[in-house]
Amino acid sequence: MLHHQFIVAWLQSRCRTERGANLVEYALLLALIAIVCVSAVTMLGRATSKPFSNMGSGLSP
């Protein structure tokens, strides 16, 4: 019985990892980076839309 208890204790200690917590942290970090990138592209798009439109209009014959 002692051998069985040792195996059970060893398996339980091996199963207690922080893999799930790390995955959640990486997912949150990835979501934050995505939000920042989308916001930056949106702001840059709005800021550069008019100058590019004016430049395109100026090139038309």
C-alpha atoms as a PDB file:
ATOM      1  CA  MET A   1       0.000   0.000   0.000  1.00  0.00           C
ATOM      2  CA  LEU A   2       2.895   2.355   0.681  1.00  0.00           C
ATOM      3  CA  HIS A   3       4.118   1.984  -2.886  1.00  0.00           C
ATOM      4  CA  HIS A   4       0.632   2.801  -4.197  1.00  0.00           C
ATOM      5  CA  GLN A   5       0.438   5.929  -2.017  1.00  0.00           C
ATOM      6  CA  PHE A   6       3.848   7.060  -3.251  1.00  0.00           C
ATOM      7  CA  ILE A   7       2.763   6.699  -6.876  1.00  0.00           C
ATOM      8  CA  VAL A   8      -0.467   8.591  -6.250  1.00  0.00           C
ATOM      9  CA  ALA A   9       1.395  11.392  -4.455  1.00  0.00           C
ATOM     10  CA  TRP A  10       3.970  11.582  -7.232  1.00  0.00           C
ATOM     11  CA  LEU A  11       1.293  11.774  -9.940  1.00  0.00           C
ATOM     12  CA  GLN A  12      -0.594  14.468  -8.062  1.00  0.00           C
ATOM     13  CA  SER A  13       2.539  16.561  -7.700  1.00  0.00           C
ATOM     14  CA  ARG A  14       3.252  16.201 -11.422  1.00  0.00           C
ATOM     15  CA  CYS A  15      -0.268  17.293 -12.353  1.00  0.00           C
ATOM     16  CA  ARG A  16      -0.100  20.531 -10.388  1.00  0.00           C
ATOM     17  CA  THR A  17       1.453  22.769 -12.984  1.00  0.00           C
ATOM     18  CA  GLU A  18       0.819  26.365 -13.848  1.00  0.00           C
ATOM     19  CA  ARG A  19       0.392  25.585 -17.524  1.00  0.00           C
ATOM     20  CA  GLY A  20      -3.213  26.779 -17.521  1.00  0.00           C
ATOM     21  CA  ALA A  21      -2.368  30.011 -15.719  1.00  0.00           C
ATOM     22  CA  ASN A  22       0.491  30.705 -18.120  1.00  0.00           C
ATOM     23  CA  LEU A  23      -1.795  30.108 -21.077  1.00  0.00           C
ATOM     24  CA  VAL A  24      -4.324  32.604 -19.732  1.00  0.00           C
ATOM     25  CA  GLU A  25      -1.596  35.195 -19.143  1.00  0.00           C
ATOM     26  CA  TYR A  26      -0.247  34.766 -22.679  1.00  0.00           C
ATOM     27  CA  ALA A  27      -3.755  35.012 -24.113  1.00  0.00           C
ATOM     28  CA  LEU A  28      -4.417  38.242 -22.207  1.00  0.00           C
ATOM     29  CA  LEU A  29      -1.078  39.669 -23.318  1.00  0.00           C
ATOM     30  CA  LEU A  30      -1.805  38.758 -26.932  1.00  0.00           C
ATOM     31  CA  ALA A  31      -5.255  40.359 -26.705  1.00  0.00           C
ATOM     32  CA  LEU A  32      -3.760  43.565 -25.280  1.00  0.00           C
ATOM     33  CA  ILE A  33      -1.157  43.721 -28.057  1.00  0.00           C
ATOM     34  CA  ALA A  34      -3.870  43.156 -30.672  1.00  0.00           C
ATOM     35  CA  ILE A  35      -6.003  45.959 -29.216  1.00  0.00           C
ATOM     36  CA  VAL A  36      -3.048  48.357 -29.249  1.00  0.00           C
ATOM     37  CA  CYS A  37      -2.187  47.442 -32.850  1.00  0.00           C
ATOM     38  CA  VAL A  38      -5.758  47.861 -34.080  1.00  0.00           C
ATOM     39  CA  SER A  39      -6.050  51.209 -32.296  1.00  0.00           C
ATOM     40  CA  ALA A  40      -2.768  52.447 -33.770  1.00  0.00           C
ATOM     41  CA  VAL A  41      -3.718  51.412 -37.300  1.00  0.00           C
ATOM     42  CA  THR A  42      -7.132  53.042 -36.933  1.00  0.00           C
ATOM     43  CA  MET A  43      -5.648  56.318 -35.710  1.00  0.00           C
ATOM     44  CA  LEU A  44      -2.958  56.327 -38.386  1.00  0.00           C
ATOM     45  CA  GLY A  45      -5.543  55.549 -41.053  1.00  0.00           C
ATOM     46  CA  ARG A  46      -7.688  58.476 -40.033  1.00  0.00           C
ATOM     47  CA  ALA A  47      -4.707  60.829 -39.787  1.00  0.00           C
ATOM     48  CA  THR A  48      -3.268  59.901 -43.171  1.00  0.00           C
ATOM     49  CA  SER A  49      -6.490  59.511 -45.156  1.00  0.00           C
ATOM     50  CA  LYS A  50      -6.930  63.169 -46.058  1.00  0.00           C
ATOM     51  CA  PRO A  51      -3.286  63.858 -47.073  1.00  0.00           C
ATOM     52  CA  PHE A  52      -3.249  60.783 -49.319  1.00  0.00           C
ATOM     53  CA  SER A  53      -6.596  61.769 -50.852  1.00  0.00           C
ATOM     54  CA  ASN A  54      -5.281  65.274 -51.575  1.00  0.00           C
ATOM     55  CA  MET A  55      -2.112  63.846 -53.087  1.00  0.00           C
ATOM     56  CA  GLY A  56      -4.141  61.468 -55.261  1.00  0.00           C
ATOM     57  CA  SER A  57      -6.423  64.289 -56.389  1.00  0.00           C
ATOM     58  CA  GLY A  58      -3.420  66.392 -57.273  1.00  0.00           C
ATOM     59  CA  LEU A  59      -2.038  63.646 -59.523  1.00  0.00           C
ATOM     60  CA  SER A  60      -5.239  63.301 -61.535  1.00  0.00           C
ATOM     61  CA  PRO A  61      -5.224  65.119 -64.929  1.00  0.00           C
END
